[in-house]
N, C-alpha and C. Protein backbone atom coordinates (compact mmCIF):
# COMPACT_ATOMS: atom_id res chain seq x y z
N UNK A 1 -37.83 0.46 36.16
CA UNK A 1 -37.53 -0.79 35.50
C UNK A 1 -37.12 -0.56 34.04
N UNK A 2 -37.84 0.32 33.39
CA UNK A 2 -37.54 0.62 31.99
C UNK A 2 -36.14 1.24 31.86
N UNK A 3 -35.77 2.04 32.84
CA UNK A 3 -34.47 2.69 32.86
C UNK A 3 -33.35 1.64 32.88
N UNK A 4 -33.50 0.59 33.71
CA UNK A 4 -32.49 -0.47 33.79
C UNK A 4 -32.45 -1.28 32.50
N UNK A 5 -33.61 -1.48 31.88
CA UNK A 5 -33.66 -2.19 30.61
C UNK A 5 -32.85 -1.44 29.55
N UNK A 6 -33.02 -0.12 29.49
CA UNK A 6 -32.28 0.69 28.51
C UNK A 6 -30.78 0.66 28.79
N UNK A 7 -30.40 0.71 30.08
CA UNK A 7 -28.98 0.60 30.42
C UNK A 7 -28.42 -0.75 29.96
N UNK A 8 -29.16 -1.80 30.21
CA UNK A 8 -28.74 -3.14 29.82
C UNK A 8 -28.63 -3.27 28.31
N UNK A 9 -29.61 -2.75 27.60
CA UNK A 9 -29.60 -2.80 26.14
C UNK A 9 -28.40 -2.02 25.58
N UNK A 10 -28.14 -0.87 26.16
CA UNK A 10 -26.99 -0.07 25.73
C UNK A 10 -25.69 -0.83 25.96
N UNK A 11 -25.57 -1.49 27.10
CA UNK A 11 -24.37 -2.27 27.40
C UNK A 11 -24.19 -3.41 26.40
N UNK A 12 -25.27 -4.10 26.05
CA UNK A 12 -25.20 -5.20 25.09
C UNK A 12 -24.74 -4.68 23.72
N UNK A 13 -25.28 -3.54 23.30
CA UNK A 13 -24.91 -2.96 22.01
C UNK A 13 -23.43 -2.58 22.00
N UNK A 14 -22.97 -1.95 23.08
CA UNK A 14 -21.56 -1.56 23.16
C UNK A 14 -20.64 -2.77 23.13
N UNK A 15 -21.00 -3.82 23.83
CA UNK A 15 -20.20 -5.04 23.84
C UNK A 15 -20.19 -5.66 22.45
N UNK A 16 -21.34 -5.69 21.79
CA UNK A 16 -21.42 -6.26 20.44
C UNK A 16 -20.54 -5.47 19.47
N UNK A 17 -20.55 -4.16 19.57
CA UNK A 17 -19.70 -3.33 18.69
C UNK A 17 -18.23 -3.59 18.96
N UNK A 18 -17.88 -3.74 20.21
CA UNK A 18 -16.49 -4.00 20.57
C UNK A 18 -16.03 -5.36 20.05
N UNK A 19 -16.88 -6.38 20.13
CA UNK A 19 -16.56 -7.70 19.62
C UNK A 19 -16.41 -7.64 18.11
N UNK A 20 -17.30 -6.91 17.44
CA UNK A 20 -17.23 -6.76 15.99
C UNK A 20 -15.91 -6.11 15.58
N UNK A 21 -15.49 -5.08 16.30
CA UNK A 21 -14.21 -4.43 16.01
C UNK A 21 -13.05 -5.40 16.18
N UNK A 22 -13.15 -6.27 17.20
CA UNK A 22 -12.09 -7.25 17.44
C UNK A 22 -11.94 -8.18 16.24
N UNK A 23 -13.05 -8.67 15.69
CA UNK A 23 -12.98 -9.57 14.55
C UNK A 23 -12.45 -8.86 13.31
N UNK A 24 -12.86 -7.62 13.09
CA UNK A 24 -12.35 -6.87 11.95
C UNK A 24 -10.85 -6.66 12.09
N UNK A 25 -10.37 -6.37 13.29
CA UNK A 25 -8.95 -6.16 13.51
C UNK A 25 -8.18 -7.45 13.27
N UNK A 26 -8.69 -8.57 13.73
CA UNK A 26 -8.03 -9.85 13.52
C UNK A 26 -7.92 -10.15 12.02
N UNK A 27 -8.98 -9.90 11.27
CA UNK A 27 -8.95 -10.13 9.83
C UNK A 27 -7.94 -9.19 9.18
N UNK A 28 -7.89 -7.97 9.64
CA UNK A 28 -6.99 -6.96 9.12
C UNK A 28 -5.54 -7.39 9.31
N UNK A 29 -5.21 -7.92 10.48
CA UNK A 29 -3.85 -8.37 10.74
C UNK A 29 -3.49 -9.55 9.86
N UNK A 30 -4.42 -10.46 9.65
CA UNK A 30 -4.14 -11.59 8.77
C UNK A 30 -3.82 -11.09 7.37
N UNK A 31 -4.54 -10.09 6.89
CA UNK A 31 -4.29 -9.56 5.56
C UNK A 31 -2.97 -8.81 5.51
N UNK A 32 -2.47 -8.33 6.65
CA UNK A 32 -1.21 -7.61 6.67
C UNK A 32 -0.03 -8.50 6.32
N UNK A 33 -0.12 -9.79 6.63
CA UNK A 33 0.96 -10.71 6.32
C UNK A 33 1.08 -10.98 4.83
N UNK A 34 -0.03 -11.02 4.15
CA UNK A 34 -0.04 -11.38 2.73
C UNK A 34 -1.12 -10.55 2.07
N UNK A 35 -0.70 -9.69 1.17
CA UNK A 35 -1.68 -8.83 0.54
C UNK A 35 -2.60 -9.63 -0.36
N UNK A 36 -3.83 -9.17 -0.47
CA UNK A 36 -4.80 -9.85 -1.31
C UNK A 36 -5.03 -9.03 -2.56
N UNK A 37 -5.58 -9.67 -3.58
CA UNK A 37 -5.70 -9.01 -4.86
C UNK A 37 -6.85 -9.63 -5.64
N UNK A 38 -7.74 -8.79 -6.19
CA UNK A 38 -8.85 -9.29 -6.99
C UNK A 38 -8.39 -9.93 -8.29
N UNK A 39 -7.20 -9.59 -8.75
CA UNK A 39 -6.69 -10.13 -10.01
C UNK A 39 -6.00 -11.48 -9.81
N UNK A 40 -6.03 -12.03 -8.63
CA UNK A 40 -5.31 -13.26 -8.35
C UNK A 40 -3.87 -12.95 -8.01
N UNK A 41 -2.98 -13.92 -8.20
CA UNK A 41 -1.58 -13.69 -7.86
C UNK A 41 -0.95 -12.70 -8.83
N UNK A 42 -0.30 -11.71 -8.28
CA UNK A 42 0.38 -10.69 -9.08
C UNK A 42 1.73 -10.43 -8.43
N UNK A 43 2.75 -10.33 -9.27
CA UNK A 43 4.11 -10.16 -8.76
C UNK A 43 4.83 -9.09 -9.57
N UNK A 44 5.76 -8.41 -8.90
CA UNK A 44 6.67 -7.49 -9.56
C UNK A 44 8.08 -8.03 -9.33
N UNK A 45 8.82 -8.20 -10.42
CA UNK A 45 10.20 -8.69 -10.37
C UNK A 45 11.13 -7.55 -10.76
N UNK A 46 12.02 -7.17 -9.85
CA UNK A 46 13.03 -6.16 -10.14
C UNK A 46 14.39 -6.80 -9.89
N UNK A 47 15.10 -7.08 -10.98
CA UNK A 47 16.45 -7.65 -10.89
C UNK A 47 16.49 -8.90 -10.01
N UNK A 48 15.49 -9.76 -10.15
CA UNK A 48 15.45 -11.00 -9.39
C UNK A 48 14.80 -10.90 -8.02
N UNK A 49 14.47 -9.70 -7.58
CA UNK A 49 13.74 -9.53 -6.31
C UNK A 49 12.25 -9.57 -6.63
N UNK A 50 11.55 -10.51 -6.02
CA UNK A 50 10.14 -10.74 -6.33
C UNK A 50 9.26 -10.23 -5.20
N UNK A 51 8.27 -9.40 -5.55
CA UNK A 51 7.32 -8.86 -4.59
C UNK A 51 5.91 -9.27 -5.00
N UNK A 52 5.17 -9.88 -4.08
CA UNK A 52 3.76 -10.15 -4.33
C UNK A 52 3.01 -8.85 -4.07
N UNK A 53 2.21 -8.43 -5.04
CA UNK A 53 1.62 -7.10 -4.95
C UNK A 53 0.10 -7.12 -5.00
N UNK A 54 -0.44 -6.11 -4.37
CA UNK A 54 -1.85 -5.76 -4.49
C UNK A 54 -1.88 -4.58 -5.45
N UNK A 55 -2.87 -4.54 -6.32
CA UNK A 55 -2.95 -3.49 -7.34
C UNK A 55 -3.85 -2.36 -6.87
N UNK A 56 -3.36 -1.14 -6.98
CA UNK A 56 -4.17 0.06 -6.73
C UNK A 56 -4.37 0.73 -8.08
N UNK A 57 -5.53 0.49 -8.68
CA UNK A 57 -5.80 1.02 -10.01
C UNK A 57 -6.94 2.04 -10.00
N UNK A 58 -7.96 1.80 -9.18
CA UNK A 58 -9.09 2.73 -9.12
C UNK A 58 -8.70 3.97 -8.33
N UNK A 59 -9.38 5.09 -8.56
CA UNK A 59 -9.08 6.30 -7.79
C UNK A 59 -9.21 6.08 -6.28
N UNK A 60 -10.20 5.29 -5.86
CA UNK A 60 -10.39 5.02 -4.43
C UNK A 60 -9.23 4.23 -3.86
N UNK A 61 -8.81 3.19 -4.58
CA UNK A 61 -7.69 2.37 -4.11
C UNK A 61 -6.40 3.18 -4.05
N UNK A 62 -6.21 4.07 -5.01
CA UNK A 62 -5.01 4.92 -5.01
C UNK A 62 -5.02 5.90 -3.85
N UNK A 63 -6.19 6.41 -3.52
CA UNK A 63 -6.28 7.37 -2.41
C UNK A 63 -6.02 6.69 -1.07
N UNK A 64 -6.54 5.50 -0.89
CA UNK A 64 -6.38 4.77 0.38
C UNK A 64 -5.00 4.12 0.47
N UNK A 65 -4.57 3.48 -0.59
CA UNK A 65 -3.27 2.82 -0.59
C UNK A 65 -3.12 1.85 0.57
N UNK A 66 -2.04 1.96 1.29
CA UNK A 66 -1.76 1.09 2.44
C UNK A 66 -2.14 1.74 3.77
N UNK A 67 -2.85 2.85 3.72
CA UNK A 67 -3.24 3.58 4.94
C UNK A 67 -3.97 2.68 5.92
N UNK A 68 -3.64 2.85 7.19
CA UNK A 68 -4.36 2.17 8.26
C UNK A 68 -3.95 0.73 8.49
N UNK A 69 -3.12 0.17 7.65
CA UNK A 69 -2.68 -1.21 7.86
C UNK A 69 -1.54 -1.21 8.89
N UNK A 70 -1.54 -2.18 9.77
CA UNK A 70 -0.53 -2.19 10.82
C UNK A 70 0.87 -2.59 10.33
N UNK A 71 0.95 -3.38 9.28
CA UNK A 71 2.24 -3.82 8.76
C UNK A 71 2.04 -4.49 7.41
N UNK A 72 3.14 -4.85 6.77
CA UNK A 72 3.10 -5.56 5.50
C UNK A 72 4.31 -6.48 5.46
N UNK A 73 4.14 -7.67 4.92
CA UNK A 73 5.25 -8.62 4.81
C UNK A 73 6.35 -8.03 3.93
N UNK A 74 7.60 -8.38 4.22
CA UNK A 74 8.74 -7.82 3.48
C UNK A 74 8.73 -8.17 2.00
N UNK A 75 8.13 -9.28 1.63
CA UNK A 75 8.10 -9.68 0.22
C UNK A 75 6.82 -9.21 -0.49
N UNK A 76 6.10 -8.30 0.14
CA UNK A 76 4.84 -7.79 -0.43
C UNK A 76 4.98 -6.33 -0.80
N UNK A 77 3.97 -5.84 -1.51
CA UNK A 77 3.95 -4.44 -1.87
C UNK A 77 2.61 -4.05 -2.46
N UNK A 78 2.49 -2.79 -2.80
CA UNK A 78 1.31 -2.30 -3.50
C UNK A 78 1.79 -1.60 -4.76
N UNK A 79 1.21 -2.00 -5.90
CA UNK A 79 1.56 -1.42 -7.18
C UNK A 79 0.46 -0.45 -7.61
N UNK A 80 0.84 0.80 -7.80
CA UNK A 80 -0.08 1.83 -8.28
C UNK A 80 0.09 1.93 -9.79
N UNK A 81 -1.03 1.81 -10.51
CA UNK A 81 -1.01 1.81 -11.97
C UNK A 81 -1.74 3.05 -12.47
N UNK A 82 -1.08 3.82 -13.33
CA UNK A 82 -1.67 5.03 -13.90
C UNK A 82 -1.86 4.84 -15.40
N UNK A 83 -2.93 5.43 -15.94
CA UNK A 83 -3.20 5.31 -17.37
C UNK A 83 -2.12 5.98 -18.21
N UNK A 84 -1.66 7.13 -17.75
CA UNK A 84 -0.67 7.91 -18.49
C UNK A 84 0.53 8.22 -17.59
N UNK A 85 1.73 8.27 -18.17
CA UNK A 85 2.88 8.71 -17.38
C UNK A 85 2.67 10.15 -16.92
N UNK A 86 3.16 10.45 -15.72
CA UNK A 86 3.01 11.80 -15.20
C UNK A 86 3.79 11.97 -13.91
N UNK A 87 3.67 13.14 -13.35
CA UNK A 87 4.33 13.48 -12.09
C UNK A 87 3.33 13.22 -10.95
N UNK A 88 3.04 11.97 -10.70
CA UNK A 88 2.02 11.58 -9.74
C UNK A 88 2.52 11.78 -8.31
N UNK A 89 1.66 12.38 -7.47
CA UNK A 89 2.00 12.72 -6.09
C UNK A 89 1.55 11.64 -5.12
N UNK A 90 2.34 11.46 -4.06
CA UNK A 90 2.02 10.51 -3.00
C UNK A 90 2.24 11.16 -1.65
N UNK A 91 1.51 10.64 -0.64
CA UNK A 91 1.70 11.09 0.72
C UNK A 91 1.61 9.90 1.65
N UNK A 92 1.87 10.12 2.92
CA UNK A 92 1.88 9.04 3.91
C UNK A 92 0.74 9.20 4.92
N UNK A 93 -0.38 9.71 4.48
CA UNK A 93 -1.51 9.94 5.38
C UNK A 93 -1.98 8.62 6.00
N UNK A 94 -2.12 8.62 7.32
CA UNK A 94 -2.62 7.47 8.09
C UNK A 94 -1.78 6.20 7.94
N UNK A 95 -0.51 6.35 7.60
CA UNK A 95 0.37 5.19 7.51
C UNK A 95 0.88 4.82 8.90
N UNK A 96 1.10 3.54 9.09
CA UNK A 96 1.55 3.05 10.39
C UNK A 96 2.95 2.45 10.34
N UNK A 97 3.58 2.48 9.17
CA UNK A 97 4.95 1.97 9.04
C UNK A 97 5.63 2.69 7.86
N UNK A 98 6.97 2.78 7.87
CA UNK A 98 7.68 3.48 6.79
C UNK A 98 7.67 2.70 5.48
N UNK A 99 7.82 3.43 4.38
CA UNK A 99 7.79 2.83 3.05
C UNK A 99 8.97 3.30 2.21
N UNK A 100 9.27 2.51 1.18
CA UNK A 100 10.11 2.92 0.06
C UNK A 100 9.19 3.07 -1.14
N UNK A 101 9.39 4.11 -1.94
CA UNK A 101 8.67 4.27 -3.20
C UNK A 101 9.63 3.92 -4.33
N UNK A 102 9.23 2.96 -5.17
CA UNK A 102 9.99 2.62 -6.37
C UNK A 102 9.21 3.21 -7.54
N UNK A 103 9.73 4.28 -8.11
CA UNK A 103 9.07 4.99 -9.21
C UNK A 103 9.47 4.30 -10.51
N UNK A 104 8.49 3.86 -11.30
CA UNK A 104 8.74 3.06 -12.50
C UNK A 104 8.21 3.81 -13.73
N UNK A 105 9.06 3.96 -14.74
CA UNK A 105 8.64 4.72 -15.93
C UNK A 105 7.88 3.84 -16.93
N UNK A 106 7.45 4.44 -18.03
CA UNK A 106 6.66 3.71 -19.02
C UNK A 106 7.49 2.69 -19.81
N UNK A 107 8.82 2.75 -19.69
CA UNK A 107 9.70 1.74 -20.30
C UNK A 107 9.97 0.58 -19.35
N UNK A 108 9.29 0.57 -18.23
CA UNK A 108 9.42 -0.49 -17.22
C UNK A 108 10.83 -0.53 -16.61
N UNK A 109 11.36 0.65 -16.36
CA UNK A 109 12.65 0.78 -15.69
C UNK A 109 12.46 1.54 -14.38
N UNK A 110 13.26 1.19 -13.37
CA UNK A 110 13.24 1.96 -12.13
C UNK A 110 13.78 3.34 -12.45
N UNK A 111 12.93 4.35 -12.33
CA UNK A 111 13.31 5.73 -12.66
C UNK A 111 13.90 6.46 -11.46
N UNK A 112 13.43 6.07 -10.27
CA UNK A 112 13.85 6.78 -9.06
C UNK A 112 13.47 5.94 -7.85
N UNK A 113 14.18 6.14 -6.75
CA UNK A 113 13.87 5.49 -5.47
C UNK A 113 13.75 6.56 -4.40
N UNK A 114 12.68 6.50 -3.62
CA UNK A 114 12.54 7.36 -2.44
C UNK A 114 12.47 6.40 -1.26
N UNK A 115 13.47 6.45 -0.39
CA UNK A 115 13.63 5.41 0.61
C UNK A 115 13.30 5.87 2.03
N UNK A 116 12.81 4.90 2.82
CA UNK A 116 12.54 5.08 4.25
C UNK A 116 11.73 6.32 4.57
N UNK A 117 10.60 6.44 3.91
CA UNK A 117 9.70 7.56 4.18
C UNK A 117 8.97 7.25 5.48
N UNK A 118 9.11 8.13 6.44
CA UNK A 118 8.49 7.91 7.76
C UNK A 118 6.98 7.95 7.67
N UNK A 119 6.36 7.15 8.51
CA UNK A 119 4.90 7.18 8.59
C UNK A 119 4.47 8.40 9.39
N UNK A 120 3.25 8.83 9.15
CA UNK A 120 2.72 10.05 9.77
C UNK A 120 1.42 9.70 10.48
N UNK A 121 1.26 10.19 11.68
CA UNK A 121 0.01 9.96 12.41
C UNK A 121 -0.49 11.27 12.98
N UNK A 122 -1.81 11.42 12.98
CA UNK A 122 -2.50 12.53 13.65
C UNK A 122 -2.08 13.92 13.18
N UNK A 123 -1.81 14.08 11.91
CA UNK A 123 -1.54 15.41 11.38
C UNK A 123 -2.69 15.81 10.47
N UNK A 124 -2.97 17.07 10.41
CA UNK A 124 -3.95 17.53 9.43
C UNK A 124 -3.38 17.36 8.04
N UNK A 125 -4.23 17.23 7.04
CA UNK A 125 -3.75 16.96 5.69
C UNK A 125 -2.86 18.07 5.15
N UNK A 126 -3.01 19.29 5.64
CA UNK A 126 -2.18 20.41 5.15
C UNK A 126 -0.72 20.26 5.58
N UNK A 127 -0.45 19.49 6.63
CA UNK A 127 0.90 19.35 7.16
C UNK A 127 1.64 18.10 6.67
N UNK A 128 1.01 17.30 5.83
CA UNK A 128 1.63 16.06 5.38
C UNK A 128 2.47 16.33 4.13
N UNK A 129 3.70 15.83 4.14
CA UNK A 129 4.61 16.01 3.01
C UNK A 129 4.09 15.28 1.77
N UNK A 130 4.32 15.88 0.62
CA UNK A 130 3.94 15.29 -0.66
C UNK A 130 5.22 14.82 -1.35
N UNK A 131 5.19 13.60 -1.89
CA UNK A 131 6.34 13.03 -2.58
C UNK A 131 6.00 12.89 -4.06
N UNK A 132 6.92 13.34 -4.91
CA UNK A 132 6.74 13.28 -6.36
C UNK A 132 8.04 12.83 -6.99
N UNK A 133 7.95 12.16 -8.14
CA UNK A 133 9.18 11.80 -8.85
C UNK A 133 9.74 13.03 -9.57
N UNK A 134 10.99 12.94 -10.00
CA UNK A 134 11.59 14.04 -10.75
C UNK A 134 11.41 13.87 -12.25
N UNK A 135 10.86 12.74 -12.65
CA UNK A 135 10.60 12.43 -14.05
C UNK A 135 9.24 11.74 -14.15
N UNK A 136 8.55 11.84 -15.28
CA UNK A 136 7.23 11.19 -15.39
C UNK A 136 7.32 9.67 -15.17
N UNK A 137 6.36 9.15 -14.43
CA UNK A 137 6.31 7.71 -14.15
C UNK A 137 4.91 7.19 -14.49
N UNK A 138 4.84 5.88 -14.69
CA UNK A 138 3.54 5.24 -14.97
C UNK A 138 3.11 4.31 -13.84
N UNK A 139 4.07 3.86 -13.04
CA UNK A 139 3.79 2.94 -11.94
C UNK A 139 4.58 3.37 -10.71
N UNK A 140 4.04 3.04 -9.55
CA UNK A 140 4.78 3.21 -8.30
C UNK A 140 4.60 1.92 -7.50
N UNK A 141 5.70 1.37 -7.05
CA UNK A 141 5.67 0.20 -6.17
C UNK A 141 6.01 0.67 -4.77
N UNK A 142 5.08 0.47 -3.84
CA UNK A 142 5.34 0.77 -2.43
C UNK A 142 5.73 -0.52 -1.73
N UNK A 143 6.89 -0.49 -1.08
CA UNK A 143 7.37 -1.63 -0.32
C UNK A 143 7.81 -1.13 1.06
N UNK A 144 8.04 -2.05 1.97
CA UNK A 144 8.47 -1.67 3.32
C UNK A 144 9.74 -0.83 3.28
N UNK A 145 9.81 0.15 4.18
CA UNK A 145 10.98 1.01 4.27
C UNK A 145 12.25 0.22 4.50
N UNK A 146 13.28 0.52 3.71
CA UNK A 146 14.57 -0.14 3.84
C UNK A 146 14.75 -1.35 2.94
N UNK A 147 13.67 -1.88 2.39
CA UNK A 147 13.76 -3.09 1.57
C UNK A 147 14.49 -2.83 0.25
N UNK A 148 14.32 -1.65 -0.33
CA UNK A 148 15.01 -1.38 -1.60
C UNK A 148 16.53 -1.41 -1.42
N UNK A 149 17.02 -0.91 -0.30
CA UNK A 149 18.47 -0.94 -0.04
C UNK A 149 18.93 -2.36 0.26
N UNK A 150 18.20 -3.07 1.11
CA UNK A 150 18.55 -4.45 1.45
C UNK A 150 18.55 -5.33 0.21
N UNK A 151 17.59 -5.09 -0.70
CA UNK A 151 17.46 -5.89 -1.91
C UNK A 151 18.40 -5.45 -3.03
N UNK A 152 19.07 -4.33 -2.85
CA UNK A 152 19.99 -3.84 -3.87
C UNK A 152 19.30 -3.22 -5.08
N UNK A 153 18.08 -2.72 -4.90
CA UNK A 153 17.38 -2.08 -6.02
C UNK A 153 18.12 -0.81 -6.42
N UNK A 154 18.17 -0.58 -7.75
CA UNK A 154 18.90 0.58 -8.27
C UNK A 154 18.14 1.21 -9.43
N UNK A 155 18.40 2.49 -9.64
CA UNK A 155 17.82 3.20 -10.78
C UNK A 155 18.33 2.54 -12.07
N UNK A 156 17.44 2.37 -13.03
CA UNK A 156 17.78 1.79 -14.32
C UNK A 156 17.51 0.30 -14.42
N UNK A 157 17.19 -0.36 -13.31
CA UNK A 157 16.92 -1.79 -13.36
C UNK A 157 15.59 -2.06 -14.07
N UNK A 158 15.56 -3.19 -14.78
CA UNK A 158 14.36 -3.61 -15.51
C UNK A 158 13.31 -4.13 -14.52
N UNK A 159 12.05 -3.78 -14.77
CA UNK A 159 10.92 -4.23 -13.95
C UNK A 159 10.05 -5.13 -14.82
N UNK A 160 9.66 -6.27 -14.26
CA UNK A 160 8.74 -7.18 -14.97
C UNK A 160 7.55 -7.47 -14.08
N UNK A 161 6.37 -7.52 -14.69
CA UNK A 161 5.16 -7.92 -13.99
C UNK A 161 4.92 -9.39 -14.32
N UNK A 162 4.59 -10.17 -13.30
CA UNK A 162 4.36 -11.60 -13.47
C UNK A 162 2.98 -11.97 -12.92
N UNK A 163 2.53 -13.15 -13.29
CA UNK A 163 1.22 -13.60 -12.83
C UNK A 163 0.13 -12.98 -13.69
N UNK A 164 -1.01 -12.74 -13.09
CA UNK A 164 -2.18 -12.26 -13.83
C UNK A 164 -2.07 -10.82 -14.32
N UNK A 165 -1.05 -10.09 -13.92
CA UNK A 165 -0.89 -8.71 -14.39
C UNK A 165 0.14 -8.59 -15.51
N UNK A 166 0.74 -9.70 -15.88
CA UNK A 166 1.84 -9.68 -16.85
C UNK A 166 1.43 -9.01 -18.16
N UNK A 167 0.32 -9.39 -18.73
CA UNK A 167 -0.12 -8.80 -20.00
C UNK A 167 -1.05 -7.62 -19.81
N UNK A 168 -1.70 -7.53 -18.67
CA UNK A 168 -2.69 -6.48 -18.44
C UNK A 168 -2.07 -5.08 -18.36
N UNK A 169 -0.90 -4.95 -17.74
CA UNK A 169 -0.34 -3.63 -17.48
C UNK A 169 0.95 -3.31 -18.24
N UNK A 170 1.46 -4.22 -19.01
CA UNK A 170 2.50 -3.85 -19.96
C UNK A 170 3.97 -3.98 -19.59
N UNK A 171 4.35 -4.39 -18.44
CA UNK A 171 5.78 -4.55 -18.14
C UNK A 171 6.17 -6.02 -18.18
């Protein structure tokens, strides 16, 4: 009798874990449509193209980035903010969709574009390509792959931050 009780209890726990995962996944998908941000509404404007952004400022947020998210809305992005300009490295670990990297210098100009970077799954970290700018940058805007070309983004365009990040980060 005790044996059947333990089997039943194990089944209930497994079902509960599966239901919990379902709710987390549903919440995750909802967040994929519109990025959220502790700073409230934050936008990046590049030559009239407006992207609602989530800010990656802490080391943890920078390391995770957009990893594990199933998708992102075309008008959204993630803005990585660095204290000092530098040759900051990026990778596509655990990404599920391609990205464009918009490298932004300390003068708030598009310094470089890296377009349509393929997502990577199930590779060891030693095999993942590292992406770096050719000039020091202070910010990186990650947007969906292909959006920079569709939007006509170009090197040298002025970048402006709008909303609650306008005065906080300097562009």
